[in-house]
């Protein structure tokens, strides 16, 4: 095993351990366990069903955003690939499941390396925009979160800049490409053709923004995907007074913040401590918030990992094959 992999693994374990320490420091484990055990079965069933549904909507959105330069058959099987990627994120540090998704799209679906990696970069940027709205909308809609308004204002500004950038790109695409080509003058001649090809393939992942039909579908799938998480949180808080959809949105944004911390495998520890703090801000008592965090993460972790392993075996893909292809991806 490479030294870098060992360091990533060790770093991930340390970050997860710190997150779990902060989490269990704030809760009473006896009361926490009682809260978990008294959760209604229909709530657990609903959360189990909603988890793969989020992946399904994500796969549908991915299909719309992928370049049209490939045939329809090249866009098949995205749901299993996405499920496998998220399963690997649960098991490995540093979000290596994202690299696996790019590898599988490249090797099995015939997209180029740049198209595969670029599609996930666009997806990640879109997710960040969506999660930012789940932060700043509740902050300005809930007086108990008023102290976070300066941070929410910064997020609104970043969101607005991103939207303006897309509008400008759509309106002045030709001019933008000309500016990009001038920048490429700085690239050595020996690399210029290859860099131009890569840039063209990366930009191809934004073709969908020129179609109102596709933009509508991307927005619709994004909303459906995100609100699956919102309803998971809302169901887990069932029976709590004054816990509403805005509170659930804020909880999802805080869980996403914890999941965004790099290295920790499966978001263990980081998601728990971040969500615990977030739910506390909207008035959920610590032990109930802790139970919600454990169930929100645990049910999703178990469901996605089980389904991902099932698809991995049905597609006859091995970890060794993914690892080997990933090394080829780096060379490309």
C-alpha atoms as a PDB file:
ATOM      1  CA  UNK A   1       0.000   0.000   0.000  1.00  0.00           C
ATOM      2  CA  UNK A   2       1.281   3.450  -0.908  1.00  0.00           C
ATOM      3  CA  UNK A   3       2.416   5.832   1.814  1.00  0.00           C
ATOM      4  CA  UNK A   4      -0.094   8.468   0.613  1.00  0.00           C
ATOM      5  CA  UNK A   5      -2.951   5.977   1.036  1.00  0.00           C
ATOM      6  CA  UNK A   6      -1.783   5.144   4.537  1.00  0.00           C
ATOM      7  CA  UNK A   7      -1.618   8.819   5.438  1.00  0.00           C
ATOM      8  CA  UNK A   8      -5.107   9.413   4.004  1.00  0.00           C
ATOM      9  CA  UNK A   9      -6.479   6.487   5.967  1.00  0.00           C
ATOM     10  CA  UNK A  10      -4.816   7.578   9.197  1.00  0.00           C
ATOM     11  CA  UNK A  11      -5.981  11.162   8.714  1.00  0.00           C
ATOM     12  CA  UNK A  12      -9.520   9.972   8.044  1.00  0.00           C
ATOM     13  CA  UNK A  13      -9.596   7.841  11.198  1.00  0.00           C
ATOM     14  CA  UNK A  14      -8.315  10.743  13.316  1.00  0.00           C
ATOM     15  CA  UNK A  15     -10.895  13.187  11.912  1.00  0.00           C
ATOM     16  CA  UNK A  16     -13.723  10.668  12.413  1.00  0.00           C
ATOM     17  CA  UNK A  17     -12.530   9.943  15.956  1.00  0.00           C
ATOM     18  CA  UNK A  18     -12.508  13.651  16.782  1.00  0.00           C
ATOM     19  CA  UNK A  19     -16.024  14.045  15.392  1.00  0.00           C
ATOM     20  CA  UNK A  20     -17.308  11.071  17.391  1.00  0.00           C
ATOM     21  CA  UNK A  21     -15.628  12.399  20.540  1.00  0.00           C
ATOM     22  CA  UNK A  22     -17.370  15.758  20.163  1.00  0.00           C
ATOM     23  CA  UNK A  23     -20.653  13.981  19.469  1.00  0.00           C
ATOM     24  CA  UNK A  24     -20.630  11.555  22.407  1.00  0.00           C
ATOM     25  CA  UNK A  25     -19.295  14.257  24.718  1.00  0.00           C
ATOM     26  CA  UNK A  26     -22.590  16.114  24.243  1.00  0.00           C
ATOM     27  CA  UNK A  27     -25.098  13.265  24.661  1.00  0.00           C
ATOM     28  CA  UNK A  28     -26.147  10.767  27.295  1.00  0.00           C
ATOM     29  CA  UNK A  29     -25.633   7.396  25.625  1.00  0.00           C
ATOM     30  CA  UNK A  30     -28.354   5.677  27.689  1.00  0.00           C
ATOM     31  CA  UNK A  31     -30.987   8.260  26.773  1.00  0.00           C
ATOM     32  CA  UNK A  32     -29.657   8.337  23.202  1.00  0.00           C
ATOM     33  CA  UNK A  33     -30.157   4.589  22.812  1.00  0.00           C
ATOM     34  CA  UNK A  34     -33.669   4.841  24.265  1.00  0.00           C
ATOM     35  CA  UNK A  35     -34.546   7.578  21.760  1.00  0.00           C
ATOM     36  CA  UNK A  36     -33.271   5.419  18.896  1.00  0.00           C
ATOM     37  CA  UNK A  37     -35.187   2.336  20.056  1.00  0.00           C
ATOM     38  CA  UNK A  38     -38.471   4.230  20.403  1.00  0.00           C
ATOM     39  CA  UNK A  39     -38.369   5.536  16.820  1.00  0.00           C
ATOM     40  CA  UNK A  40     -41.489   4.386  14.994  1.00  0.00           C
ATOM     41  CA  UNK A  41     -41.012   1.601  12.439  1.00  0.00           C
ATOM     42  CA  UNK A  42     -42.808   3.506   9.677  1.00  0.00           C
ATOM     43  CA  UNK A  43     -40.283   6.332  10.055  1.00  0.00           C
ATOM     44  CA  UNK A  44     -37.357   3.942   9.667  1.00  0.00           C
ATOM     45  CA  UNK A  45     -39.072   2.355   6.628  1.00  0.00           C
ATOM     46  CA  UNK A  46     -39.675   5.774   5.055  1.00  0.00           C
ATOM     47  CA  UNK A  47     -36.034   6.802   5.511  1.00  0.00           C
ATOM     48  CA  UNK A  48     -34.868   3.482   4.038  1.00  0.00           C
ATOM     49  CA  UNK A  49     -37.011   4.063   0.928  1.00  0.00           C
ATOM     50  CA  UNK A  50     -36.022   7.711   0.527  1.00  0.00           C
ATOM     51  CA  UNK A  51     -32.270   6.981   0.497  1.00  0.00           C
ATOM     52  CA  UNK A  52     -32.108   5.093  -2.834  1.00  0.00           C
ATOM     53  CA  UNK A  53     -34.691   7.521  -4.213  1.00  0.00           C
ATOM     54  CA  UNK A  54     -32.179  10.351  -3.767  1.00  0.00           C
ATOM     55  CA  UNK A  55     -29.630   8.353  -5.772  1.00  0.00           C
ATOM     56  CA  UNK A  56     -32.196   7.661  -8.491  1.00  0.00           C
ATOM     57  CA  UNK A  57     -32.985  11.376  -8.910  1.00  0.00           C
ATOM     58  CA  UNK A  58     -29.251  12.129  -8.896  1.00  0.00           C
ATOM     59  CA  UNK A  59     -28.682   9.577 -11.669  1.00  0.00           C
ATOM     60  CA  UNK A  60     -31.553  11.058 -13.725  1.00  0.00           C
ATOM     61  CA  UNK A  61     -30.030  14.526 -13.323  1.00  0.00           C
ATOM     62  CA  UNK A  62     -26.583  13.219 -14.274  1.00  0.00           C
ATOM     63  CA  UNK A  63     -28.014  11.761 -17.481  1.00  0.00           C
ATOM     64  CA  UNK A  64     -29.434  15.148 -18.483  1.00  0.00           C
ATOM     65  CA  UNK A  65     -26.176  16.987 -17.699  1.00  0.00           C
ATOM     66  CA  UNK A  66     -23.868  14.601 -19.562  1.00  0.00           C
ATOM     67  CA  UNK A  67     -22.730  15.797 -23.032  1.00  0.00           C
ATOM     68  CA  UNK A  68     -24.963  14.989 -26.000  1.00  0.00           C
ATOM     69  CA  UNK A  69     -21.921  13.984 -28.048  1.00  0.00           C
ATOM     70  CA  UNK A  70     -22.531  10.376 -27.004  1.00  0.00           C
ATOM     71  CA  UNK A  71     -25.354   8.037 -28.021  1.00  0.00           C
ATOM     72  CA  UNK A  72     -28.228   7.228 -25.674  1.00  0.00           C
ATOM     73  CA  UNK A  73     -26.721   3.812 -24.909  1.00  0.00           C
ATOM     74  CA  UNK A  74     -23.675   5.546 -23.398  1.00  0.00           C
ATOM     75  CA  UNK A  75     -25.946   7.087 -20.768  1.00  0.00           C
ATOM     76  CA  UNK A  76     -27.425   3.820 -19.527  1.00  0.00           C
ATOM     77  CA  UNK A  77     -26.688   2.250 -16.174  1.00  0.00           C
ATOM     78  CA  UNK A  78     -26.037   5.527 -14.358  1.00  0.00           C
ATOM     79  CA  UNK A  79     -28.104   4.531 -11.320  1.00  0.00           C
ATOM     80  CA  UNK A  80     -25.912   1.489 -10.479  1.00  0.00           C
ATOM     81  CA  UNK A  81     -22.739   3.528 -11.126  1.00  0.00           C
ATOM     82  CA  UNK A  82     -23.931   6.306  -8.815  1.00  0.00           C
ATOM     83  CA  UNK A  83     -24.928   3.805  -6.138  1.00  0.00           C
ATOM     84  CA  UNK A  84     -21.518   2.126  -6.329  1.00  0.00           C
ATOM     85  CA  UNK A  85     -19.799   5.498  -6.035  1.00  0.00           C
ATOM     86  CA  UNK A  86     -21.715   6.453  -2.904  1.00  0.00           C
ATOM     87  CA  UNK A  87     -21.155   2.988  -1.447  1.00  0.00           C
ATOM     88  CA  UNK A  88     -17.394   3.445  -1.885  1.00  0.00           C
ATOM     89  CA  UNK A  89     -17.636   6.897  -0.281  1.00  0.00           C
ATOM     90  CA  UNK A  90     -19.072   5.085   2.747  1.00  0.00           C
ATOM     91  CA  UNK A  91     -16.159   2.675   2.935  1.00  0.00           C
ATOM     92  CA  UNK A  92     -13.121   4.644   1.787  1.00  0.00           C
ATOM     93  CA  UNK A  93     -11.571   7.985   2.817  1.00  0.00           C
ATOM     94  CA  UNK A  94     -11.152  11.139   0.709  1.00  0.00           C
ATOM     95  CA  UNK A  95     -14.398  10.634  -1.269  1.00  0.00           C
ATOM     96  CA  UNK A  96     -12.752   8.009  -3.481  1.00  0.00           C
ATOM     97  CA  UNK A  97     -16.212   6.944  -4.627  1.00  0.00           C
ATOM     98  CA  UNK A  98     -16.307  10.054  -6.834  1.00  0.00           C
ATOM     99  CA  UNK A  99     -13.162   8.861  -8.622  1.00  0.00           C
ATOM    100  CA  UNK A 100     -14.776   5.430  -8.997  1.00  0.00           C
ATOM    101  CA  UNK A 101     -17.835   6.998 -10.660  1.00  0.00           C
ATOM    102  CA  UNK A 102     -15.587   8.795 -13.146  1.00  0.00           C
ATOM    103  CA  UNK A 103     -13.682   5.555 -13.799  1.00  0.00           C
ATOM    104  CA  UNK A 104     -16.846   3.525 -14.412  1.00  0.00           C
ATOM    105  CA  UNK A 105     -18.348   6.192 -16.688  1.00  0.00           C
ATOM    106  CA  UNK A 106     -15.090   6.281 -18.638  1.00  0.00           C
ATOM    107  CA  UNK A 107     -14.444   2.545 -18.849  1.00  0.00           C
ATOM    108  CA  UNK A 108     -17.987   1.182 -19.142  1.00  0.00           C
ATOM    109  CA  UNK A 109     -19.956   3.957 -20.811  1.00  0.00           C
ATOM    110  CA  UNK A 110     -17.415   5.279 -23.287  1.00  0.00           C
ATOM    111  CA  UNK A 111     -17.086   8.876 -22.111  1.00  0.00           C
ATOM    112  CA  UNK A 112     -13.658  10.478 -22.176  1.00  0.00           C
ATOM    113  CA  UNK A 113     -11.665  11.110 -19.008  1.00  0.00           C
ATOM    114  CA  UNK A 114     -12.317  14.866 -19.171  1.00  0.00           C
ATOM    115  CA  UNK A 115     -16.040  14.394 -19.815  1.00  0.00           C
ATOM    116  CA  UNK A 116     -16.327  11.943 -16.920  1.00  0.00           C
ATOM    117  CA  UNK A 117     -14.411  14.054 -14.417  1.00  0.00           C
ATOM    118  CA  UNK A 118     -15.990  17.285 -15.659  1.00  0.00           C
ATOM    119  CA  UNK A 119     -19.521  15.960 -15.201  1.00  0.00           C
ATOM    120  CA  UNK A 120     -18.816  15.273 -11.536  1.00  0.00           C
ATOM    121  CA  UNK A 121     -17.244  18.709 -11.046  1.00  0.00           C
ATOM    122  CA  UNK A 122     -20.410  20.322 -12.425  1.00  0.00           C
ATOM    123  CA  UNK A 123     -22.539  18.064 -10.225  1.00  0.00           C
ATOM    124  CA  UNK A 124     -20.526  18.984  -7.132  1.00  0.00           C
ATOM    125  CA  UNK A 125     -20.794  22.717  -7.900  1.00  0.00           C
ATOM    126  CA  UNK A 126     -24.562  22.398  -8.366  1.00  0.00           C
ATOM    127  CA  UNK A 127     -24.881  20.514  -5.075  1.00  0.00           C
ATOM    128  CA  UNK A 128     -22.967  23.249  -3.261  1.00  0.00           C
ATOM    129  CA  UNK A 129     -25.387  25.858  -4.614  1.00  0.00           C
ATOM    130  CA  UNK A 130     -28.384  23.804  -3.525  1.00  0.00           C
ATOM    131  CA  UNK A 131     -27.057  23.176  -0.025  1.00  0.00           C
ATOM    132  CA  UNK A 132     -26.289  26.879   0.333  1.00  0.00           C
ATOM    133  CA  UNK A 133     -29.979  27.679  -0.256  1.00  0.00           C
ATOM    134  CA  UNK A 134     -30.879  25.142   2.439  1.00  0.00           C
ATOM    135  CA  UNK A 135     -28.701  27.171   4.783  1.00  0.00           C
ATOM    136  CA  UNK A 136     -29.606  30.778   4.034  1.00  0.00           C
ATOM    137  CA  UNK A 137     -33.364  30.334   3.523  1.00  0.00           C
ATOM    138  CA  UNK A 138     -33.954  28.879   7.032  1.00  0.00           C
ATOM    139  CA  UNK A 139     -31.539  31.368   8.602  1.00  0.00           C
ATOM    140  CA  UNK A 140     -33.632  34.302   7.396  1.00  0.00           C
ATOM    141  CA  UNK A 141     -36.856  32.450   8.203  1.00  0.00           C
ATOM    142  CA  UNK A 142     -36.071  31.443  11.783  1.00  0.00           C
ATOM    143  CA  UNK A 143     -35.355  34.023  14.482  1.00  0.00           C
ATOM    144  CA  UNK A 144     -33.356  31.488  16.521  1.00  0.00           C
ATOM    145  CA  UNK A 145     -30.772  31.430  13.708  1.00  0.00           C
ATOM    146  CA  UNK A 146     -30.417  35.221  13.486  1.00  0.00           C
ATOM    147  CA  UNK A 147     -26.778  35.088  14.634  1.00  0.00           C
ATOM    148  CA  UNK A 148     -25.927  33.233  11.402  1.00  0.00           C
ATOM    149  CA  UNK A 149     -27.334  35.914   9.112  1.00  0.00           C
ATOM    150  CA  UNK A 150     -23.914  37.433   8.205  1.00  0.00           C
ATOM    151  CA  UNK A 151     -22.761  33.994   6.973  1.00  0.00           C
ATOM    152  CA  UNK A 152     -26.063  33.496   5.172  1.00  0.00           C
ATOM    153  CA  UNK A 153     -25.617  36.864   3.457  1.00  0.00           C
ATOM    154  CA  UNK A 154     -22.207  35.744   2.175  1.00  0.00           C
ATOM    155  CA  UNK A 155     -23.776  32.560   0.834  1.00  0.00           C
ATOM    156  CA  UNK A 156     -26.492  34.549  -0.924  1.00  0.00           C
ATOM    157  CA  UNK A 157     -23.798  36.698  -2.531  1.00  0.00           C
ATOM    158  CA  UNK A 158     -21.879  33.595  -3.685  1.00  0.00           C
ATOM    159  CA  UNK A 159     -25.117  32.057  -4.987  1.00  0.00           C
ATOM    160  CA  UNK A 160     -25.978  35.241  -6.902  1.00  0.00           C
ATOM    161  CA  UNK A 161     -22.479  35.445  -8.417  1.00  0.00           C
ATOM    162  CA  UNK A 162     -22.731  31.814  -9.582  1.00  0.00           C
ATOM    163  CA  UNK A 163     -26.119  32.387 -11.186  1.00  0.00           C
ATOM    164  CA  UNK A 164     -24.898  35.579 -12.893  1.00  0.00           C
ATOM    165  CA  UNK A 165     -21.834  33.683 -14.157  1.00  0.00           C
ATOM    166  CA  UNK A 166     -24.067  31.043 -15.774  1.00  0.00           C
ATOM    167  CA  UNK A 167     -26.308  33.699 -17.319  1.00  0.00           C
ATOM    168  CA  UNK A 168     -23.315  35.592 -18.699  1.00  0.00           C
ATOM    169  CA  UNK A 169     -21.840  32.350 -20.031  1.00  0.00           C
ATOM    170  CA  UNK A 170     -25.125  31.495 -21.769  1.00  0.00           C
ATOM    171  CA  UNK A 171     -25.460  34.987 -23.215  1.00  0.00           C
ATOM    172  CA  UNK A 172     -21.834  35.497 -24.231  1.00  0.00           C
ATOM    173  CA  UNK A 173     -20.621  31.965 -24.833  1.00  0.00           C
ATOM    174  CA  UNK A 174     -18.606  32.842 -27.946  1.00  0.00           C
ATOM    175  CA  UNK A 175     -16.837  35.713 -26.233  1.00  0.00           C
ATOM    176  CA  UNK A 176     -16.096  33.552 -23.178  1.00  0.00           C
ATOM    177  CA  UNK A 177     -14.536  30.871 -25.356  1.00  0.00           C
ATOM    178  CA  UNK A 178     -12.411  33.498 -27.099  1.00  0.00           C
ATOM    179  CA  UNK A 179     -11.102  34.702 -23.739  1.00  0.00           C
ATOM    180  CA  UNK A 180     -10.336  31.086 -22.785  1.00  0.00           C
ATOM    181  CA  UNK A 181      -8.454  30.541 -26.052  1.00  0.00           C
ATOM    182  CA  UNK A 182      -6.332  33.635 -25.381  1.00  0.00           C
ATOM    183  CA  UNK A 183      -5.413  32.284 -21.960  1.00  0.00           C
ATOM    184  CA  UNK A 184      -4.263  29.062 -23.650  1.00  0.00           C
ATOM    185  CA  UNK A 185      -1.569  31.083 -25.418  1.00  0.00           C
ATOM    186  CA  UNK A 186       0.395  30.740 -22.171  1.00  0.00           C
ATOM    187  CA  UNK A 187       0.388  26.943 -22.559  1.00  0.00           C
ATOM    188  CA  UNK A 188       3.498  25.431 -24.228  1.00  0.00           C
ATOM    189  CA  UNK A 189       2.929  24.458 -27.873  1.00  0.00           C
ATOM    190  CA  UNK A 190       3.731  20.825 -27.133  1.00  0.00           C
ATOM    191  CA  UNK A 191       0.733  20.654 -24.765  1.00  0.00           C
ATOM    192  CA  UNK A 192      -1.621  23.133 -26.423  1.00  0.00           C
ATOM    193  CA  UNK A 193      -3.597  20.656 -28.547  1.00  0.00           C
ATOM    194  CA  UNK A 194      -4.115  18.268 -25.662  1.00  0.00           C
ATOM    195  CA  UNK A 195      -5.123  21.055 -23.265  1.00  0.00           C
ATOM    196  CA  UNK A 196      -7.551  22.496 -25.839  1.00  0.00           C
ATOM    197  CA  UNK A 197      -9.125  19.063 -26.270  1.00  0.00           C
ATOM    198  CA  UNK A 198      -9.488  18.584 -22.505  1.00  0.00           C
ATOM    199  CA  UNK A 199     -10.977  22.065 -22.035  1.00  0.00           C
ATOM    200  CA  UNK A 200     -13.479  21.448 -24.828  1.00  0.00           C
ATOM    201  CA  UNK A 201     -14.547  18.155 -23.243  1.00  0.00           C
ATOM    202  CA  UNK A 202     -14.830  19.755 -19.793  1.00  0.00           C
ATOM    203  CA  UNK A 203     -16.964  22.618 -21.129  1.00  0.00           C
ATOM    204  CA  UNK A 204     -19.197  20.107 -22.937  1.00  0.00           C
ATOM    205  CA  UNK A 205     -20.683  19.292 -19.516  1.00  0.00           C
ATOM    206  CA  UNK A 206     -22.358  22.716 -19.587  1.00  0.00           C
ATOM    207  CA  UNK A 207     -24.225  22.123 -22.863  1.00  0.00           C
ATOM    208  CA  UNK A 208     -27.445  21.521 -20.948  1.00  0.00           C
ATOM    209  CA  UNK A 209     -27.618  25.165 -19.770  1.00  0.00           C
ATOM    210  CA  UNK A 210     -28.500  26.220 -23.345  1.00  0.00           C
ATOM    211  CA  UNK A 211     -31.717  24.193 -23.304  1.00  0.00           C
ATOM    212  CA  UNK A 212     -34.639  25.418 -21.197  1.00  0.00           C
ATOM    213  CA  UNK A 213     -36.081  21.919 -21.314  1.00  0.00           C
ATOM    214  CA  UNK A 214     -32.899  20.444 -19.842  1.00  0.00           C
ATOM    215  CA  UNK A 215     -32.466  23.241 -17.309  1.00  0.00           C
ATOM    216  CA  UNK A 216     -36.030  22.605 -16.112  1.00  0.00           C
ATOM    217  CA  UNK A 217     -35.337  18.893 -15.736  1.00  0.00           C
ATOM    218  CA  UNK A 218     -32.052  19.498 -13.904  1.00  0.00           C
ATOM    219  CA  UNK A 219     -33.775  21.898 -11.500  1.00  0.00           C
ATOM    220  CA  UNK A 220     -36.705  19.506 -10.978  1.00  0.00           C
ATOM    221  CA  UNK A 221     -34.498  16.474 -10.295  1.00  0.00           C
ATOM    222  CA  UNK A 222     -32.316  18.566  -7.988  1.00  0.00           C
ATOM    223  CA  UNK A 223     -35.305  19.725  -5.946  1.00  0.00           C
ATOM    224  CA  UNK A 224     -36.746  16.212  -5.719  1.00  0.00           C
ATOM    225  CA  UNK A 225     -33.362  14.805  -4.702  1.00  0.00           C
ATOM    226  CA  UNK A 226     -32.757  17.425  -2.032  1.00  0.00           C
ATOM    227  CA  UNK A 227     -36.241  17.217  -0.574  1.00  0.00           C
ATOM    228  CA  UNK A 228     -35.842  13.476  -0.109  1.00  0.00           C
ATOM    229  CA  UNK A 229     -33.206  14.414   2.467  1.00  0.00           C
ATOM    230  CA  UNK A 230     -35.470  17.106   3.919  1.00  0.00           C
ATOM    231  CA  UNK A 231     -38.305  14.645   4.464  1.00  0.00           C
ATOM    232  CA  UNK A 232     -35.936  12.107   5.996  1.00  0.00           C
ATOM    233  CA  UNK A 233     -34.981  14.720   8.581  1.00  0.00           C
ATOM    234  CA  UNK A 234     -38.582  15.814   9.040  1.00  0.00           C
ATOM    235  CA  UNK A 235     -39.792  12.243   9.643  1.00  0.00           C
ATOM    236  CA  UNK A 236     -36.996  11.571  12.130  1.00  0.00           C
ATOM    237  CA  UNK A 237     -38.164  14.641  14.070  1.00  0.00           C
ATOM    238  CA  UNK A 238     -41.771  13.407  14.028  1.00  0.00           C
ATOM    239  CA  UNK A 239     -43.619  14.414  17.181  1.00  0.00           C
ATOM    240  CA  UNK A 240     -41.387  17.372  18.022  1.00  0.00           C
ATOM    241  CA  UNK A 241     -43.258  20.611  18.587  1.00  0.00           C
ATOM    242  CA  UNK A 242     -42.387  23.536  16.315  1.00  0.00           C
ATOM    243  CA  UNK A 243     -39.997  21.509  14.138  1.00  0.00           C
ATOM    244  CA  UNK A 244     -40.902  22.484  10.565  1.00  0.00           C
ATOM    245  CA  UNK A 245     -39.642  22.074   7.023  1.00  0.00           C
ATOM    246  CA  UNK A 246     -37.298  25.063   7.341  1.00  0.00           C
ATOM    247  CA  UNK A 247     -35.697  23.451  10.391  1.00  0.00           C
ATOM    248  CA  UNK A 248     -35.344  20.239   8.418  1.00  0.00           C
ATOM    249  CA  UNK A 249     -33.691  22.116   5.542  1.00  0.00           C
ATOM    250  CA  UNK A 250     -31.219  23.682   7.967  1.00  0.00           C
ATOM    251  CA  UNK A 251     -30.467  20.268   9.462  1.00  0.00           C
ATOM    252  CA  UNK A 252     -29.758  18.849   6.000  1.00  0.00           C
ATOM    253  CA  UNK A 253     -27.401  21.739   5.227  1.00  0.00           C
ATOM    254  CA  UNK A 254     -25.507  21.138   8.482  1.00  0.00           C
ATOM    255  CA  UNK A 255     -25.274  17.408   7.739  1.00  0.00           C
ATOM    256  CA  UNK A 256     -23.886  18.288   4.305  1.00  0.00           C
ATOM    257  CA  UNK A 257     -21.341  20.584   5.941  1.00  0.00           C
ATOM    258  CA  UNK A 258     -20.148  17.711   8.121  1.00  0.00           C
ATOM    259  CA  UNK A 259     -20.069  15.355   5.136  1.00  0.00           C
ATOM    260  CA  UNK A 260     -17.985  17.864   3.172  1.00  0.00           C
ATOM    261  CA  UNK A 261     -15.079  17.623   5.619  1.00  0.00           C
ATOM    262  CA  UNK A 262     -12.460  15.625   3.697  1.00  0.00           C
ATOM    263  CA  UNK A 263     -10.839  12.279   4.489  1.00  0.00           C
ATOM    264  CA  UNK A 264     -13.315  10.865   7.037  1.00  0.00           C
ATOM    265  CA  UNK A 265     -14.636   7.581   5.568  1.00  0.00           C
ATOM    266  CA  UNK A 266     -18.411   7.422   5.286  1.00  0.00           C
ATOM    267  CA  UNK A 267     -18.790  10.877   6.898  1.00  0.00           C
ATOM    268  CA  UNK A 268     -18.565   9.096  10.281  1.00  0.00           C
ATOM    269  CA  UNK A 269     -18.130  11.485  13.172  1.00  0.00           C
ATOM    270  CA  UNK A 270     -18.017  14.694  11.141  1.00  0.00           C
ATOM    271  CA  UNK A 271     -21.641  14.414  10.015  1.00  0.00           C
ATOM    272  CA  UNK A 272     -22.801  13.396  13.499  1.00  0.00           C
ATOM    273  CA  UNK A 273     -21.174  16.298  15.348  1.00  0.00           C
ATOM    274  CA  UNK A 274     -22.147  18.880  12.726  1.00  0.00           C
ATOM    275  CA  UNK A 275     -25.783  17.736  12.585  1.00  0.00           C
ATOM    276  CA  UNK A 276     -25.987  17.593  16.378  1.00  0.00           C
ATOM    277  CA  UNK A 277     -24.923  21.246  16.563  1.00  0.00           C
ATOM    278  CA  UNK A 278     -27.261  22.263  13.770  1.00  0.00           C
ATOM    279  CA  UNK A 279     -30.330  20.621  15.296  1.00  0.00           C
ATOM    280  CA  UNK A 280     -29.461  22.167  18.641  1.00  0.00           C
ATOM    281  CA  UNK A 281     -29.568  25.607  17.008  1.00  0.00           C
ATOM    282  CA  UNK A 282     -33.210  25.080  15.979  1.00  0.00           C
ATOM    283  CA  UNK A 283     -34.209  23.954  19.467  1.00  0.00           C
ATOM    284  CA  UNK A 284     -33.935  20.156  19.372  1.00  0.00           C
ATOM    285  CA  UNK A 285     -32.719  18.794  22.721  1.00  0.00           C
ATOM    286  CA  UNK A 286     -29.324  17.103  22.599  1.00  0.00           C
ATOM    287  CA  UNK A 287     -30.319  13.451  23.035  1.00  0.00           C
ATOM    288  CA  UNK A 288     -33.142  13.664  20.485  1.00  0.00           C
ATOM    289  CA  UNK A 289     -30.820  15.510  18.103  1.00  0.00           C
ATOM    290  CA  UNK A 290     -28.206  12.807  18.664  1.00  0.00           C
ATOM    291  CA  UNK A 291     -30.702  10.055  17.887  1.00  0.00           C
ATOM    292  CA  UNK A 292     -31.750  11.867  14.722  1.00  0.00           C
ATOM    293  CA  UNK A 293     -28.101  12.203  13.671  1.00  0.00           C
ATOM    294  CA  UNK A 294     -27.357   8.510  14.288  1.00  0.00           C
ATOM    295  CA  UNK A 295     -30.474   7.352  12.416  1.00  0.00           C
ATOM    296  CA  UNK A 296     -30.070   9.852   9.555  1.00  0.00           C
ATOM    297  CA  UNK A 297     -26.520   8.665   8.957  1.00  0.00           C
ATOM    298  CA  UNK A 298     -26.884   5.013   9.976  1.00  0.00           C
ATOM    299  CA  UNK A 299     -29.942   4.168   7.894  1.00  0.00           C
ATOM    300  CA  UNK A 300     -28.497   5.872   4.834  1.00  0.00           C
ATOM    301  CA  UNK A 301     -25.085   4.291   5.353  1.00  0.00           C
ATOM    302  CA  UNK A 302     -26.511   0.782   5.666  1.00  0.00           C
ATOM    303  CA  UNK A 303     -28.999   1.094   2.798  1.00  0.00           C
ATOM    304  CA  UNK A 304     -26.616   2.677   0.282  1.00  0.00           C
ATOM    305  CA  UNK A 305     -23.724   0.355   1.171  1.00  0.00           C
ATOM    306  CA  UNK A 306     -25.885  -2.765   0.821  1.00  0.00           C
ATOM    307  CA  UNK A 307     -27.373  -1.688  -2.517  1.00  0.00           C
ATOM    308  CA  UNK A 308     -23.987  -0.507  -3.799  1.00  0.00           C
ATOM    309  CA  UNK A 309     -22.378  -3.851  -3.016  1.00  0.00           C
ATOM    310  CA  UNK A 310     -25.273  -5.619  -4.719  1.00  0.00           C
ATOM    311  CA  UNK A 311     -24.800  -3.557  -7.899  1.00  0.00           C
ATOM    312  CA  UNK A 312     -21.029  -4.025  -7.706  1.00  0.00           C
ATOM    313  CA  UNK A 313     -21.489  -7.806  -7.777  1.00  0.00           C
ATOM    314  CA  UNK A 314     -24.244  -7.754 -10.423  1.00  0.00           C
ATOM    315  CA  UNK A 315     -22.058  -5.623 -12.727  1.00  0.00           C
ATOM    316  CA  UNK A 316     -19.160  -8.007 -12.091  1.00  0.00           C
ATOM    317  CA  UNK A 317     -16.860  -5.169 -11.096  1.00  0.00           C
ATOM    318  CA  UNK A 318     -14.081  -5.762  -8.586  1.00  0.00           C
ATOM    319  CA  UNK A 319     -12.330  -3.317  -6.276  1.00  0.00           C
ATOM    320  CA  UNK A 320      -9.099  -4.327  -7.997  1.00  0.00           C
ATOM    321  CA  UNK A 321     -10.510  -3.384 -11.415  1.00  0.00           C
ATOM    322  CA  UNK A 322     -11.630   0.033 -10.119  1.00  0.00           C
ATOM    323  CA  UNK A 323      -8.258   0.632  -8.461  1.00  0.00           C
ATOM    324  CA  UNK A 324      -6.355  -0.332 -11.611  1.00  0.00           C
ATOM    325  CA  UNK A 325      -8.572   1.845 -13.809  1.00  0.00           C
ATOM    326  CA  UNK A 326      -8.148   4.749 -11.380  1.00  0.00           C
ATOM    327  CA  UNK A 327      -4.372   4.601 -11.875  1.00  0.00           C
ATOM    328  CA  UNK A 328      -4.964   4.699 -15.642  1.00  0.00           C
ATOM    329  CA  UNK A 329      -7.285   7.674 -15.109  1.00  0.00           C
ATOM    330  CA  UNK A 330      -4.488   9.590 -13.354  1.00  0.00           C
ATOM    331  CA  UNK A 331      -2.122   8.902 -16.251  1.00  0.00           C
ATOM    332  CA  UNK A 332      -4.709  10.148 -18.741  1.00  0.00           C
END
